[in-house]
Protein backbone atom coordinates (compact mmCIF):
# COMPACT_ATOMS: atom_id res chain seq x y z
CA MET A 1 -19.66 -30.86 -13.30
CA ARG A 2 -20.61 -27.32 -14.33
CA LEU A 3 -17.72 -24.87 -14.26
CA PRO A 4 -18.12 -21.92 -11.87
CA SER A 5 -18.49 -18.43 -13.29
CA THR A 6 -15.83 -15.75 -12.85
CA THR A 7 -18.32 -13.81 -10.70
CA GLU A 8 -18.64 -16.75 -8.32
CA MET A 9 -14.87 -17.26 -8.17
CA GLN A 10 -14.25 -13.58 -7.48
CA ALA A 11 -16.93 -13.60 -4.77
CA PHE A 12 -15.21 -16.60 -3.18
CA ILE A 13 -11.77 -14.93 -3.20
CA VAL A 14 -13.01 -11.65 -1.69
CA THR A 15 -15.11 -13.48 0.92
CA ALA A 16 -12.13 -15.67 1.83
CA ASP A 17 -10.02 -12.54 2.32
CA HIS A 18 -12.54 -10.84 4.64
CA LEU A 19 -14.33 -13.89 6.14
CA LYS A 20 -17.50 -11.80 6.37
CA PHE A 21 -20.25 -11.51 3.77
CA THR A 22 -20.87 -7.87 4.73
CA LEU A 23 -17.29 -6.76 4.06
CA ALA A 24 -17.10 -8.79 0.85
CA ALA A 25 -20.31 -7.18 -0.36
CA GLN A 26 -18.93 -3.70 0.32
CA GLN A 27 -15.79 -4.39 -1.68
CA LEU A 28 -17.71 -5.97 -4.58
CA ASN A 29 -20.37 -3.24 -4.47
CA VAL A 30 -23.25 -5.73 -4.28
CA THR A 31 -25.66 -6.80 -1.56
CA GLN A 32 -24.74 -9.22 1.19
CA GLY A 33 -27.42 -11.58 -0.08
CA ALA A 34 -25.91 -11.56 -3.58
CA VAL A 35 -22.50 -12.61 -2.25
CA SER A 36 -24.06 -15.34 -0.12
CA ARG A 37 -26.00 -16.71 -3.12
CA GLN A 38 -22.85 -16.74 -5.27
CA ILE A 39 -20.98 -18.73 -2.62
CA ILE A 40 -23.87 -21.19 -2.24
CA SER A 41 -24.05 -21.61 -6.02
CA LEU A 42 -20.30 -22.25 -6.17
CA GLU A 43 -20.49 -24.83 -3.38
CA LYS A 44 -23.32 -26.65 -5.17
CA LYS A 45 -21.38 -26.76 -8.43
CA LEU A 46 -18.30 -28.13 -6.69
CA ASP A 47 -20.32 -30.33 -4.35
CA ILE A 48 -18.16 -29.25 -1.40
CA GLN A 49 -18.47 -26.85 1.52
CA LEU A 50 -16.05 -23.92 1.23
CA PHE A 51 -16.87 -22.07 4.47
CA HIS A 52 -17.88 -22.86 8.00
CA ARG A 53 -20.68 -20.43 8.98
CA HIS A 54 -20.30 -18.98 12.48
CA ALA A 55 -22.39 -16.47 14.42
CA ARG A 56 -19.77 -13.74 13.98
CA GLY A 57 -18.23 -14.60 10.66
CA LEU A 58 -16.82 -17.35 8.49
CA SER A 59 -13.82 -19.64 8.34
CA LEU A 60 -12.49 -21.65 5.44
CA THR A 61 -12.97 -25.39 5.40
CA GLU A 62 -10.06 -27.63 4.50
CA LYS A 63 -11.36 -27.83 0.92
CA GLY A 64 -11.86 -24.06 0.85
CA THR A 65 -8.26 -23.49 1.96
CA GLN A 66 -7.05 -25.88 -0.74
CA PHE A 67 -9.24 -24.25 -3.41
CA LEU A 68 -8.31 -20.59 -2.71
CA PRO A 69 -4.78 -20.40 -4.23
CA LEU A 70 -5.94 -22.38 -7.27
CA VAL A 71 -8.77 -19.93 -7.95
CA LYS A 72 -6.45 -16.93 -7.51
CA GLN A 73 -4.07 -18.45 -10.05
CA VAL A 74 -6.87 -18.96 -12.59
CA ILE A 75 -8.19 -15.40 -12.20
CA ASN A 76 -4.71 -13.88 -12.57
CA GLN A 77 -4.01 -15.95 -15.69
CA MET A 78 -7.29 -14.80 -17.22
CA LYS A 79 -6.45 -11.16 -16.51
CA SER A 80 -3.03 -11.54 -18.09
CA ALA A 81 -4.49 -13.22 -21.16
CA VAL A 82 -7.07 -10.46 -21.65
CA ALA A 83 -4.43 -7.76 -21.20
CA GLU A 84 -2.13 -9.39 -23.77
CA VAL A 85 -4.72 -9.45 -26.56
CA SER A 86 -6.87 -6.41 -25.80
CA SER A 87 -4.26 -3.64 -26.20
CA VAL A 88 -2.17 -2.67 -29.19
CA ASN A 89 0.33 -0.95 -26.88
CA PRO A 90 1.17 -2.91 -23.72
CA VAL A 91 -0.05 -1.35 -20.48
CA VAL A 92 1.27 -1.89 -16.95
CA ARG A 93 -1.29 -1.01 -14.27
CA LEU A 94 0.49 -0.07 -11.06
CA LYS A 95 -1.05 0.84 -7.70
CA ALA A 96 0.94 2.72 -5.05
CA PRO A 97 0.29 4.56 -1.78
CA SER A 98 -0.09 8.30 -2.25
CA CYS A 99 2.80 8.99 0.14
CA ILE A 100 5.30 7.37 -2.25
CA SER A 101 4.19 9.27 -5.37
CA ASN A 102 6.89 11.96 -5.22
CA TRP A 103 9.58 9.27 -5.04
CA LEU A 104 8.01 6.99 -7.65
CA LEU A 105 6.84 9.46 -10.32
CA PRO A 106 10.32 10.54 -11.54
CA LYS A 107 11.29 6.88 -11.92
CA ILE A 108 8.11 6.11 -13.89
CA MET A 109 8.66 9.12 -16.17
CA ALA A 110 12.25 8.03 -16.82
CA PHE A 111 10.99 4.53 -17.64
CA GLN A 112 8.42 5.96 -20.08
CA GLN A 113 11.17 7.84 -21.90
CA ALA A 114 13.33 4.71 -22.10
CA PHE A 115 10.40 2.48 -23.18
CA PRO A 116 7.90 4.73 -25.01
CA ASP A 117 5.92 1.72 -26.31
CA ILE A 118 4.96 0.63 -22.78
CA THR A 119 2.32 2.68 -20.97
CA VAL A 120 2.38 2.76 -17.18
CA GLU A 121 -0.95 3.61 -15.56
CA LEU A 122 -0.14 4.72 -12.01
CA THR A 123 -3.02 4.81 -9.53
CA SER A 124 -2.52 6.51 -6.18
CA SER A 125 -4.32 5.19 -3.10
CA ILE A 126 -4.39 5.84 0.64
CA LYS A 127 -4.49 2.06 1.13
CA HIS A 128 -1.20 0.24 1.66
CA ASP A 129 -2.25 -3.23 0.45
CA ILE A 130 -3.53 -4.96 -2.70
CA ASN A 131 -5.98 -7.70 -3.64
CA PHE A 132 -5.14 -8.79 -7.18
CA SER A 133 -8.23 -11.00 -7.38
CA SER A 134 -10.60 -8.05 -7.05
CA GLU A 135 -8.43 -5.08 -8.17
CA ALA A 136 -7.39 -4.66 -11.80
CA PHE A 137 -3.67 -4.05 -11.30
CA ASP A 138 -0.59 -5.87 -12.59
CA ALA A 139 1.62 -4.84 -9.67
CA ALA A 140 1.48 -2.71 -6.55
CA VAL A 141 3.68 -1.01 -4.00
CA CYS A 142 2.76 -2.24 -0.52
CA TYR A 143 3.84 -0.83 2.83
CA CYS A 144 4.23 -3.50 5.51
CA GLU A 145 6.67 -5.38 7.74
CA GLU A 146 6.86 -8.29 5.32
CA VAL A 147 4.88 -9.77 2.43
CA SER A 148 3.28 -12.92 3.85
CA ASP A 149 1.18 -13.94 0.82
CA GLN A 150 3.06 -16.86 -0.72
CA SER A 151 1.31 -16.34 -4.07
CA LEU A 152 3.08 -13.00 -4.53
CA ILE A 153 6.59 -12.16 -5.65
CA SER A 154 7.97 -9.22 -3.68
CA GLN A 155 10.92 -6.91 -4.13
CA CYS A 156 11.94 -4.50 -1.36
CA LEU A 157 12.25 -0.96 -2.73
CA PHE A 158 13.54 0.57 0.51
CA GLU A 159 13.14 0.28 4.28
CA GLU A 160 11.29 2.98 6.19
CA VAL A 161 13.56 5.22 8.27
CA LEU A 162 11.77 7.95 10.25
CA THR A 163 13.02 11.33 11.46
CA PRO A 164 11.53 14.80 12.11
CA VAL A 165 11.22 17.09 9.08
CA CYS A 166 10.12 20.70 8.73
CA ALA A 167 10.47 23.79 6.55
CA PRO A 168 13.71 25.78 7.04
CA SER A 169 11.60 28.92 7.59
CA LEU A 170 10.11 27.40 10.74
CA LEU A 171 13.41 27.59 12.62
CA PRO A 172 15.01 30.79 13.92
CA LYS A 173 17.47 32.33 11.47
CA GLY A 174 20.85 30.63 11.63
CA THR A 175 19.43 27.54 13.35
CA ALA A 176 19.54 24.13 11.66
CA GLN A 177 19.17 21.72 14.59
CA LEU A 178 16.73 21.49 17.52
CA ASN A 179 16.66 19.32 20.61
CA ILE A 180 13.40 17.67 21.69
CA GLU A 181 12.50 20.39 24.19
CA GLU A 182 12.97 23.04 21.51
CA MET A 183 10.81 21.05 19.11
CA ARG A 184 7.97 21.05 21.67
CA LYS A 185 7.55 24.79 21.01
CA PHE A 186 6.21 24.00 17.53
CA PRO A 187 3.07 22.13 16.40
CA TRP A 188 3.62 18.43 15.81
CA LEU A 189 2.01 17.02 12.67
CA HIS A 190 0.86 13.39 12.72
CA SER A 191 0.18 11.07 9.76
CA THR A 192 -2.34 8.97 11.75
CA PRO A 193 -4.89 9.72 14.49
CA GLN A 194 -3.02 7.24 16.73
CA GLN A 195 0.11 9.43 16.48
CA HIS A 196 2.29 6.31 16.08
CA ASP A 197 4.93 8.27 14.16
CA TRP A 198 5.97 10.58 16.99
CA LYS A 199 5.41 7.90 19.66
CA GLN A 200 7.87 5.52 17.98
CA TRP A 201 10.49 8.19 17.42
CA LEU A 202 10.20 9.58 20.96
CA ALA A 203 10.48 6.06 22.41
CA LEU A 204 13.81 5.62 20.61
CA ALA A 205 14.90 8.98 22.00
CA GLY A 206 14.02 7.79 25.52
CA ASP A 207 11.12 10.24 25.83
CA ASP A 208 7.49 9.07 25.66
CA ASN A 209 5.93 12.49 26.31
CA LEU A 210 3.76 13.67 23.39
CA LEU A 211 3.53 17.16 24.89
CA ALA A 212 3.87 19.81 22.17
CA LYS A 213 2.53 23.27 21.45
CA HIS A 214 -0.19 21.64 19.36
CA ASN A 215 -0.87 18.22 17.82
CA GLN A 216 -2.43 18.19 14.34
CA GLN A 217 -3.62 14.91 12.80
CA PHE A 218 -3.77 14.00 9.10
CA ALA A 219 -5.02 10.96 7.20
CA THR A 220 -1.77 10.16 5.36
CA LEU A 221 1.99 10.67 5.60
CA ASP A 222 2.13 12.85 2.47
CA LEU A 223 -0.46 15.27 3.91
CA ALA A 224 1.49 15.62 7.15
CA VAL A 225 4.79 16.19 5.31
CA SER A 226 3.09 18.63 2.90
CA ALA A 227 1.89 20.66 5.90
CA ALA A 228 5.45 20.60 7.27
CA LYS A 229 6.80 21.89 3.93
CA GLN A 230 4.38 24.82 4.19
CA GLY A 231 5.71 25.75 7.61
CA PHE A 232 2.78 24.61 9.74
CA GLY A 233 4.86 22.49 12.12
CA ILE A 234 7.18 19.50 12.41
CA SER A 235 6.25 16.10 10.98
CA ILE A 236 7.86 12.71 11.24
CA GLY A 237 8.86 11.81 7.71
CA ASP A 238 10.60 8.99 5.86
CA VAL A 239 14.24 9.78 5.06
CA MET A 240 14.07 8.32 1.55
CA LEU A 241 10.75 9.96 0.65
CA ALA A 242 11.91 13.32 2.00
CA SER A 243 15.33 13.22 0.32
CA ALA A 244 14.30 15.13 -2.83
CA ASP A 245 12.71 17.94 -0.79
CA VAL A 246 15.77 18.07 1.46
CA GLN A 247 18.05 18.40 -1.57
CA THR A 248 15.97 21.28 -2.97
CA GLY A 249 15.86 23.01 0.42
CA GLN A 250 12.11 22.68 0.93
CA LEU A 251 12.64 20.50 4.00
CA ILE A 252 15.30 20.09 6.66
CA MET A 253 15.85 17.37 9.25
CA PRO A 254 16.18 19.32 12.51
CA HIS A 255 17.26 16.36 14.69
CA PRO A 256 19.91 13.71 13.89
CA LEU A 257 18.06 10.75 15.46
CA GLN A 258 16.65 8.32 12.86
CA LEU A 259 14.37 5.36 13.53
CA ASN A 260 14.18 2.18 11.44
CA SER A 261 10.47 1.39 11.87
CA GLY A 262 10.75 -2.28 10.82
CA LYS A 263 8.48 -1.66 7.84
CA ALA A 264 9.37 -1.22 4.18
CA TYR A 265 7.92 -0.48 0.76
CA TYR A 266 7.66 -3.58 -1.41
CA LEU A 267 6.87 -3.94 -5.09
CA VAL A 268 4.62 -7.01 -5.39
CA TYR A 269 2.98 -8.93 -8.22
CA PRO A 270 1.34 -12.36 -8.65
CA GLU A 271 3.78 -15.27 -8.76
CA LYS A 272 2.25 -16.71 -11.94
CA SER A 273 2.33 -13.43 -13.85
CA ASN A 274 3.71 -13.73 -17.40
CA HIS A 275 3.18 -10.04 -18.24
CA LEU A 276 6.39 -9.22 -20.14
CA PRO A 277 6.06 -5.38 -20.00
CA LEU A 278 5.60 -5.67 -16.24
CA HIS A 279 8.85 -7.57 -15.89
CA THR A 280 10.58 -4.89 -17.99
CA LEU A 281 9.36 -2.29 -15.49
CA LEU A 282 10.43 -4.42 -12.52
CA THR A 283 13.93 -4.79 -13.94
CA TRP A 284 14.11 -1.02 -14.46
CA LEU A 285 13.05 -0.24 -10.88
CA ALA A 286 15.49 -2.82 -9.49
């Protein structure tokens, strides 16, 4: 039996994640036909069928389901082996959502001072997930309700707790707290077009009316909170992520109601990882 190439294995992993050749091709930056040919070549080498082809997508066969975690393990071991021998100074490649950067950066800088021989390469992203088979990272911070991938080790950094935040200058002089009706006089800043942030918080408050002076939408939480810091309105922010700005007086929390969203920020990495500098970083963050 001829061994499959790493290109074929990576194409299989990405296709299994998306279950569509078109989406896999977009992530791998190749044509749909190229992905399809790589999967066919892999199936011929293994002499098994990995996918059921349907009119609107794919599904894994029993053999494909069995093969997927084994391939992920092989790819991750290869990446770890290359990283161990290719650098004089060990490097930890970490991916994190942009909204957590202000909280994470001081911790990374403190780690670099404590362990100057270990370099941490921090990449910021608007995405809240990770695919270690197709992305060259050793670990990532993910934002979700729970980490369901059994091939990953996860460590909860903190749970998301939401509350309104704004600049002190937005409120009348001598005022530190506002009720909901008073908050409606200001623009509301949203971190998603769906406005889930305010909807969830208002529901807890027993008020599902999104009526405000103006509703402004942003692509990410950090953009919405940044606009709030500049006095453009009131945003729903995370208590932990906003804590540093609250301590310096750049933000205030004008209403006492806080909502536990059910989601959290998790530090995740492949279960089979033997990257020693990574585990030094994980211990530090814990």
